PDB file of N, CA and C in Angstrom:
ATOM      1  N   MET A   1       0.723  -0.998  -0.067  1.00  0.00           N
ATOM      2  CA  MET A   1      -0.110   0.077   0.218  1.00  0.00           C
ATOM      3  C   MET A   1       0.989   1.267   0.135  1.00  0.00           C
ATOM      4  N   PHE A   2       1.888   1.289   0.805  1.00  0.00           N
ATOM      5  CA  PHE A   2       2.760   2.402   0.704  1.00  0.00           C
ATOM      6  C   PHE A   2       3.642   2.726  -0.409  1.00  0.00           C
ATOM      7  N   PHE A   3       3.892   1.415  -1.041  1.00  0.00           N
ATOM      8  CA  PHE A   3       4.513   1.719  -2.430  1.00  0.00           C
ATOM      9  C   PHE A   3       3.574   2.287  -3.444  1.00  0.00           C
ATOM     10  N   VAL A   4       2.311   1.903  -3.360  1.00  0.00           N
ATOM     11  CA  VAL A   4       1.415   2.509  -4.213  1.00  0.00           C
ATOM     12  C   VAL A   4       1.419   4.429  -4.060  1.00  0.00           C
ATOM     13  N   ILE A   5       1.368   4.477  -2.750  1.00  0.00           N
ATOM     14  CA  ILE A   5       1.471   6.094  -2.692  1.00  0.00           C
ATOM     15  C   ILE A   5       2.718   6.655  -3.032  1.00  0.00           C
ATOM     16  N   LEU A   6       3.719   5.864  -2.875  1.00  0.00           N
ATOM     17  CA  LEU A   6       5.160   6.556  -3.305  1.00  0.00           C
ATOM     18  C   LEU A   6       5.312   6.480  -4.488  1.00  0.00           C
ATOM     19  N   PHE A   7       4.521   5.692  -5.398  1.00  0.00           N
ATOM     20  CA  PHE A   7       4.742   5.332  -7.193  1.00  0.00           C
ATOM     21  C   PHE A   7       3.985   6.605  -7.472  1.00  0.00           C
ATOM     22  N   CYS A   8       2.806   6.597  -6.849  1.00  0.00           N
ATOM     23  CA  CYS A   8       1.655   7.965  -7.438  1.00  0.00           C
ATOM     24  C   CYS A   8       2.410   9.077  -7.044  1.00  0.00           C
ATOM     25  N   ALA A   9       2.886   9.519  -6.100  1.00  0.00           N
ATOM     26  CA  ALA A   9       3.796  10.686  -5.684  1.00  0.00           C
ATOM     27  C   ALA A   9       4.735  10.860  -6.816  1.00  0.00           C
ATOM     28  N   TYR A  10       5.235   9.941  -7.164  1.00  0.00           N
ATOM     29  CA  TYR A  10       6.489   9.933  -8.740  1.00  0.00           C
ATOM     30  C   TYR A  10       5.758  10.314  -9.715  1.00  0.00           C
ATOM     31  N   ILE A  11       4.815   9.820  -9.981  1.00  0.00           N
ATOM     32  CA  ILE A  11       4.060  10.229 -11.205  1.00  0.00           C
ATOM     33  C   ILE A  11       3.584  11.277 -11.392  1.00  0.00           C
ATOM     34  N   GLY A  12       3.203  11.858 -10.028  1.00  0.00           N
ATOM     35  CA  GLY A  12       2.414  13.052  -9.923  1.00  0.00           C
ATOM     36  C   GLY A  12       3.286  14.288 -10.211  1.00  0.00           C
ATOM     37  N   THR A  13       4.697  14.205  -9.206  1.00  0.00           N
ATOM     38  CA  THR A  13       5.498  15.011  -9.304  1.00  0.00           C
ATOM     39  C   THR A  13       6.412  15.057 -10.716  1.00  0.00           C
ATOM     40  N   ASP A  14       6.469  14.105 -11.593  1.00  0.00           N
ATOM     41  CA  ASP A  14       7.108  14.012 -12.856  1.00  0.00           C
ATOM     42  C   ASP A  14       6.259  14.659 -13.586  1.00  0.00           C
ATOM     43  N   TYR A  15       4.776  14.358 -13.738  1.00  0.00           N
ATOM     44  CA  TYR A  15       3.850  14.858 -14.680  1.00  0.00           C
ATOM     45  C   TYR A  15       3.640  16.437 -14.790  1.00  0.00           C
ATOM     46  N   TYR A  16       3.530  16.611 -13.390  1.00  0.00           N
ATOM     47  CA  TYR A  16       3.364  18.118 -13.343  1.00  0.00           C
ATOM     48  C   TYR A  16       4.404  18.946 -12.805  1.00  0.00           C
ATOM     49  N   LYS A  17       5.593  18.733 -13.364  1.00  0.00           N
ATOM     50  CA  LYS A  17       6.906  19.561 -12.572  1.00  0.00           C
ATOM     51  C   LYS A  17       7.008  20.949 -13.131  1.00  0.00           C
ATOM     52  N   GLY A  18       6.232  21.006 -14.589  1.00  0.00           N
ATOM     53  CA  GLY A  18       6.469  22.588 -14.907  1.00  0.00           C
ATOM     54  C   GLY A  18       5.342  23.407 -15.187  1.00  0.00           C
ATOM     55  N   ASP A  19       4.024  22.738 -14.510  1.00  0.00           N
ATOM     56  CA  ASP A  19       2.918  23.289 -14.335  1.00  0.00           C
ATOM     57  C   ASP A  19       2.644  24.293 -13.009  1.00  0.00           C
ATOM     58  N   GLU A  20       2.652  25.862 -13.420  1.00  0.00           N
ATOM     59  CA  GLU A  20       2.476  26.646 -12.469  1.00  0.00           C
ATOM     60  C   GLU A  20       1.088  26.696 -11.590  1.00  0.00           C
ATOM     61  N   ASN A  21       0.194  26.358 -12.014  1.00  0.00           N
ATOM     62  CA  ASN A  21      -1.183  26.051 -11.638  1.00  0.00           C
ATOM     63  C   ASN A  21      -1.117  25.157 -10.192  1.00  0.00           C
ATOM     64  N   VAL A  22      -0.361  24.137 -10.506  1.00  0.00           N
ATOM     65  CA  VAL A  22      -0.433  22.854  -9.221  1.00  0.00           C
ATOM     66  C   VAL A  22       0.913  22.921  -8.620  1.00  0.00           C
ATOM     67  N   ILE A  23       1.749  23.688  -8.688  1.00  0.00           N
ATOM     68  CA  ILE A  23       3.205  23.753  -8.074  1.00  0.00           C
ATOM     69  C   ILE A  23       3.078  23.632  -6.511  1.00  0.00           C
ATOM     70  N   ILE A  24       1.755  24.141  -5.894  1.00  0.00           N
ATOM     71  CA  ILE A  24       1.952  24.395  -4.547  1.00  0.00           C
ATOM     72  C   ILE A  24       1.457  22.522  -4.002  1.00  0.00           C
ATOM     73  N   TYR A  25       0.777  21.892  -4.999  1.00  0.00           N
ATOM     74  CA  TYR A  25       0.553  20.551  -4.783  1.00  0.00           C
ATOM     75  C   TYR A  25       1.548  19.473  -5.225  1.00  0.00           C
ATOM     76  N   PHE A  26       2.059  19.725  -6.233  1.00  0.00           N
ATOM     77  CA  PHE A  26       3.002  18.817  -6.989  1.00  0.00           C
ATOM     78  C   PHE A  26       4.215  19.476  -7.253  1.00  0.00           C
ATOM     79  N   GLY A  27       4.759  20.391  -6.454  1.00  0.00           N
ATOM     80  CA  GLY A  27       6.133  20.965  -6.745  1.00  0.00           C
ATOM     81  C   GLY A  27       7.410  20.312  -6.680  1.00  0.00           C
ATOM     82  N   ASN A  28       7.302  19.276  -5.462  1.00  0.00           N
ATOM     83  CA  ASN A  28       8.559  18.346  -5.492  1.00  0.00           C
ATOM     84  C   ASN A  28       7.892  17.070  -4.755  1.00  0.00           C
ATOM     85  N   TYR A  29       8.723  16.259  -4.433  1.00  0.00           N
ATOM     86  CA  TYR A  29       8.392  14.891  -3.876  1.00  0.00           C
ATOM     87  C   TYR A  29       7.460  14.784  -2.744  1.00  0.00           C
ATOM     88  N   GLY A  30       7.917  15.705  -1.874  1.00  0.00           N
ATOM     89  CA  GLY A  30       7.324  15.835  -0.516  1.00  0.00           C
ATOM     90  C   GLY A  30       5.612  16.370  -0.566  1.00  0.00           C
ATOM     91  N   ARG A  31       5.952  17.466  -1.466  1.00  0.00           N
ATOM     92  CA  ARG A  31       4.482  17.852  -1.478  1.00  0.00           C
ATOM     93  C   ARG A  31       3.501  17.014  -2.138  1.00  0.00           C
ATOM     94  N   SER A  32       4.079  16.214  -3.101  1.00  0.00           N
ATOM     95  CA  SER A  32       3.126  15.090  -3.779  1.00  0.00           C
ATOM     96  C   SER A  32       2.570  14.319  -2.685  1.00  0.00           C
ATOM     97  N   LEU A  33       3.368  13.899  -1.762  1.00  0.00           N
ATOM     98  CA  LEU A  33       3.250  12.689  -0.807  1.00  0.00           C
ATOM     99  C   LEU A  33       2.132  13.326   0.051  1.00  0.00           C
ATOM    100  N   ILE A  34       2.370  14.686   0.417  1.00  0.00           N
ATOM    101  CA  ILE A  34       1.054  15.445   1.242  1.00  0.00           C
ATOM    102  C   ILE A  34      -0.031  15.255   0.575  1.00  0.00           C
ATOM    103  N   THR A  35      -0.015  15.837  -0.577  1.00  0.00           N
ATOM    104  CA  THR A  35      -1.092  16.124  -1.329  1.00  0.00           C
ATOM    105  C   THR A  35      -1.835  14.634  -1.719  1.00  0.00           C
ATOM    106  N   LEU A  36      -1.303  13.468  -1.894  1.00  0.00           N
ATOM    107  CA  LEU A  36      -1.893  12.268  -1.699  1.00  0.00           C
ATOM    108  C   LEU A  36      -2.490  11.908  -0.750  1.00  0.00           C
ATOM    109  N   ILE A  37      -1.873  11.974   0.468  1.00  0.00           N
ATOM    110  CA  ILE A  37      -2.271  11.617   1.410  1.00  0.00           C
ATOM    111  C   ILE A  37      -3.540  12.393   1.807  1.00  0.00           C
ATOM    112  N   GLN A  38      -3.617  13.711   1.486  1.00  0.00           N
ATOM    113  CA  GLN A  38      -4.820  14.692   1.887  1.00  0.00           C
ATOM    114  C   GLN A  38      -6.007  14.055   0.959  1.00  0.00           C
ATOM    115  N   ALA A  39      -5.600  13.644  -0.304  1.00  0.00           N
ATOM    116  CA  ALA A  39      -6.616  13.194  -1.227  1.00  0.00           C
ATOM    117  C   ALA A  39      -7.335  12.032  -0.714  1.00  0.00           C
ATOM    118  N   LEU A  40      -6.132  11.127  -0.109  1.00  0.00           N
ATOM    119  CA  LEU A  40      -6.745   9.651   0.222  1.00  0.00           C
ATOM    120  C   LEU A  40      -7.753   9.973   1.708  1.00  0.00           C
ATOM    121  N   SER A  41      -7.534  10.937   2.506  1.00  0.00           N
ATOM    122  CA  SER A  41      -8.372  11.117   3.483  1.00  0.00           C
ATOM    123  C   SER A  41      -9.692  11.985   3.116  1.00  0.00           C
ATOM    124  N   LEU A  42      -9.649  12.076   1.629  1.00  0.00           N
ATOM    125  CA  LEU A  42     -11.056  12.936   1.174  1.00  0.00           C
ATOM    126  C   LEU A  42     -11.272  14.124   1.622  1.00  0.00           C
ATOM    127  N   ASP A  43     -10.237  14.971   1.967  1.00  0.00           N
ATOM    128  CA  ASP A  43     -10.185  16.179   2.441  1.00  0.00           C
ATOM    129  C   ASP A  43      -9.707  17.111   1.107  1.00  0.00           C
ATOM    130  N   ASP A  44     -10.765  17.532   0.593  1.00  0.00           N
ATOM    131  CA  ASP A  44     -10.936  18.675  -0.455  1.00  0.00           C
ATOM    132  C   ASP A  44     -10.253  17.983  -1.566  1.00  0.00           C
ATOM    133  N   TRP A  45     -10.280  16.809  -1.928  1.00  0.00           N
ATOM    134  CA  TRP A  45      -9.471  16.065  -3.008  1.00  0.00           C
ATOM    135  C   TRP A  45     -10.416  16.422  -4.296  1.00  0.00           C
ATOM    136  N   GLY A  46     -11.583  17.045  -4.367  1.00  0.00           N
ATOM    137  CA  GLY A  46     -12.253  17.456  -5.423  1.00  0.00           C
ATOM    138  C   GLY A  46     -11.592  19.012  -5.939  1.00  0.00           C
ATOM    139  N   TYR A  47     -11.522  19.619  -4.847  1.00  0.00           N
ATOM    140  CA  TYR A  47     -10.795  21.176  -5.215  1.00  0.00           C
ATOM    141  C   TYR A  47      -9.324  20.751  -6.006  1.00  0.00           C
ATOM    142  N   ILE A  48      -8.370  19.889  -5.579  1.00  0.00           N
ATOM    143  CA  ILE A  48      -7.192  19.517  -6.129  1.00  0.00           C
ATOM    144  C   ILE A  48      -7.209  19.282  -7.365  1.00  0.00           C
ATOM    145  N   GLY A  49      -8.076  18.256  -7.594  1.00  0.00           N
ATOM    146  CA  GLY A  49      -8.421  17.526  -8.899  1.00  0.00           C
ATOM    147  C   GLY A  49      -8.855  18.475  -9.937  1.00  0.00           C
ATOM    148  N   LEU A  50      -9.776  19.458  -9.332  1.00  0.00           N
ATOM    149  CA  LEU A  50     -10.144  20.660 -10.477  1.00  0.00           C
ATOM    150  C   LEU A  50      -8.985  21.393 -10.662  1.00  0.00           C
ATOM    151  N   GLN A  51      -7.736  21.661  -9.713  1.00  0.00           N
ATOM    152  CA  GLN A  51      -7.066  22.352 -10.270  1.00  0.00           C
ATOM    153  C   GLN A  51      -5.891  21.859 -11.193  1.00  0.00           C
ATOM    154  N   THR A  52      -6.175  20.442 -11.156  1.00  0.00           N
ATOM    155  CA  THR A  52      -5.055  19.846 -12.064  1.00  0.00           C
ATOM    156  C   THR A  52      -5.762  20.343 -13.942  1.00  0.00           C
ATOM    157  N   ASP A  53      -6.936  20.316 -13.988  1.00  0.00           N
ATOM    158  CA  ASP A  53      -7.262  20.804 -15.028  1.00  0.00           C
ATOM    159  C   ASP A  53      -7.059  20.066 -16.235  1.00  0.00           C
ATOM    160  N   ASP A  54      -6.865  18.895 -16.315  1.00  0.00           N
ATOM    161  CA  ASP A  54      -6.714  17.898 -17.456  1.00  0.00           C
ATOM    162  C   ASP A  54      -7.364  16.708 -17.248  1.00  0.00           C
ATOM    163  N   LEU A  55      -7.474  16.059 -18.136  1.00  0.00           N
ATOM    164  CA  LEU A  55      -8.021  14.416 -18.152  1.00  0.00           C
ATOM    165  C   LEU A  55      -7.256  13.707 -17.308  1.00  0.00           C
ATOM    166  N   PHE A  56      -6.001  13.946 -17.446  1.00  0.00           N
ATOM    167  CA  PHE A  56      -5.008  12.923 -16.893  1.00  0.00           C
ATOM    168  C   PHE A  56      -4.944  13.129 -15.474  1.00  0.00           C
ATOM    169  N   GLY A  57      -5.450  14.359 -14.808  1.00  0.00           N
ATOM    170  CA  GLY A  57      -5.557  14.793 -13.362  1.00  0.00           C
ATOM    171  C   GLY A  57      -6.746  14.114 -12.703  1.00  0.00           C
ATOM    172  N   HIS A  58      -7.927  14.415 -13.610  1.00  0.00           N
ATOM    173  CA  HIS A  58      -9.228  13.676 -13.044  1.00  0.00           C
ATOM    174  C   HIS A  58      -8.980  11.949 -12.650  1.00  0.00           C
ATOM    175  N   ILE A  59      -8.535  11.541 -14.122  1.00  0.00           N
ATOM    176  CA  ILE A  59      -8.091   9.813 -13.908  1.00  0.00           C
ATOM    177  C   ILE A  59      -7.667   9.538 -12.759  1.00  0.00           C
ATOM    178  N   TYR A  60      -6.239  10.302 -12.681  1.00  0.00           N
ATOM    179  CA  TYR A  60      -5.079  10.018 -11.738  1.00  0.00           C
ATOM    180  C   TYR A  60      -5.855  10.083 -10.249  1.00  0.00           C
ATOM    181  N   PHE A  61      -6.429  10.755 -10.025  1.00  0.00           N
ATOM    182  CA  PHE A  61      -7.034  11.256  -8.686  1.00  0.00           C
ATOM    183  C   PHE A  61      -8.435  10.152  -8.265  1.00  0.00           C
ATOM    184  N   CYS A  62      -8.938   9.762  -9.374  1.00  0.00           N
ATOM    185  CA  CYS A  62     -10.036   8.999  -9.006  1.00  0.00           C
ATOM    186  C   CYS A  62      -9.410   7.380  -9.149  1.00  0.00           C
ATOM    187  N   LEU A  63      -8.447   7.143  -9.954  1.00  0.00           N
ATOM    188  CA  LEU A  63      -8.011   5.747  -9.835  1.00  0.00           C
ATOM    189  C   LEU A  63      -7.057   5.607  -8.503  1.00  0.00           C
ATOM    190  N   PHE A  64      -6.537   6.600  -7.919  1.00  0.00           N
ATOM    191  CA  PHE A  64      -5.978   6.454  -6.916  1.00  0.00           C
ATOM    192  C   PHE A  64      -6.653   6.410  -5.870  1.00  0.00           C
ATOM    193  N   ILE A  65      -7.729   6.945  -5.800  1.00  0.00           N
ATOM    194  CA  ILE A  65      -8.599   6.938  -4.444  1.00  0.00           C
ATOM    195  C   ILE A  65      -9.431   5.438  -4.516  1.00  0.00           C
ATOM    196  N   LEU A  66      -9.726   4.791  -5.734  1.00  0.00           N
ATOM    197  CA  LEU A  66     -10.455   3.684  -5.886  1.00  0.00           C
ATOM    198  C   LEU A  66      -9.513   2.568  -5.475  1.00  0.00           C
ATOM    199  N   LEU A  67      -8.197   2.590  -6.073  1.00  0.00           N
ATOM    200  CA  LEU A  67      -7.186   1.751  -5.718  1.00  0.00           C
ATOM    201  C   LEU A  67      -6.734   1.659  -4.344  1.00  0.00           C
ATOM    202  N   MET A  68      -6.618   2.861  -3.721  1.00  0.00           N
ATOM    203  CA  MET A  68      -6.339   2.839  -2.072  1.00  0.00           C
ATOM    204  C   MET A  68      -7.547   2.509  -1.262  1.00  0.00           C
ATOM    205  N   THR A  69      -8.633   2.609  -1.837  1.00  0.00           N
ATOM    206  CA  THR A  69     -10.039   2.232  -1.098  1.00  0.00           C
ATOM    207  C   THR A  69      -9.887   0.559  -1.039  1.00  0.00           C
ATOM    208  N   TYR A  70      -9.503   0.109  -2.317  1.00  0.00           N
ATOM    209  CA  TYR A  70      -9.618  -1.368  -2.185  1.00  0.00           C
ATOM    210  C   TYR A  70      -8.526  -1.882  -1.286  1.00  0.00           C
ATOM    211  N   PHE A  71      -7.413  -1.677  -1.267  1.00  0.00           N
ATOM    212  CA  PHE A  71      -6.269  -1.736  -0.463  1.00  0.00           C
ATOM    213  C   PHE A  71      -6.749  -1.877   1.247  1.00  0.00           C
ATOM    214  N   TYR A  72      -7.469  -0.615   1.407  1.00  0.00           N
ATOM    215  CA  TYR A  72      -8.062  -0.369   2.634  1.00  0.00           C
ATOM    216  C   TYR A  72      -8.963  -1.439   2.957  1.00  0.00           C
ATOM    217  N   MET A  73      -9.775  -1.842   2.268  1.00  0.00           N
ATOM    218  CA  MET A  73     -10.834  -2.928   2.314  1.00  0.00           C
ATOM    219  C   MET A  73     -10.300  -4.208   2.742  1.00  0.00           C
ATOM    220  N   ASN A  74      -9.253  -4.215   2.126  1.00  0.00           N
ATOM    221  CA  ASN A  74      -8.547  -5.642   2.014  1.00  0.00           C
ATOM    222  C   ASN A  74      -7.962  -5.696   3.514  1.00  0.00           C
ATOM    223  N   ILE A  75      -7.352  -4.817   3.760  1.00  0.00           N
ATOM    224  CA  ILE A  75      -6.855  -4.743   5.317  1.00  0.00           C
ATOM    225  C   ILE A  75      -7.961  -4.926   6.321  1.00  0.00           C
ATOM    226  N   MET A  76      -9.111  -4.274   6.100  1.00  0.00           N
ATOM    227  CA  MET A  76     -10.174  -4.223   6.952  1.00  0.00           C
ATOM    228  C   MET A  76     -10.756  -5.696   7.214  1.00  0.00           C
ATOM    229  N   MET A  77     -10.670  -6.342   5.965  1.00  0.00           N
ATOM    230  CA  MET A  77     -11.515  -7.630   5.916  1.00  0.00           C
ATOM    231  C   MET A  77     -10.464  -8.868   6.596  1.00  0.00           C
ATOM    232  N   GLY A  78      -9.250  -8.424   6.416  1.00  0.00           N
ATOM    233  CA  GLY A  78      -8.213  -9.547   6.924  1.00  0.00           C
ATOM    234  C   GLY A  78      -8.306  -9.320   8.633  1.00  0.00           C
TER     235      GLY A  78
END
């Protein structure tokens, strides 16, 4: 589960490295980790997804949240 968060943070940092609109969320690797943990807690993740303002950003956040929810359900079922 932690590997998925780290991998998604790496993807987000690499993809949004030159975008001035989301530099506060994906400016470096640490910010990407904090943003993904915030999105995972469902705290204002819709606003962050809207700030990315492209199809990749919307798919990225939806798949991340669905994938992490699946892992959490497996942990709770176990």
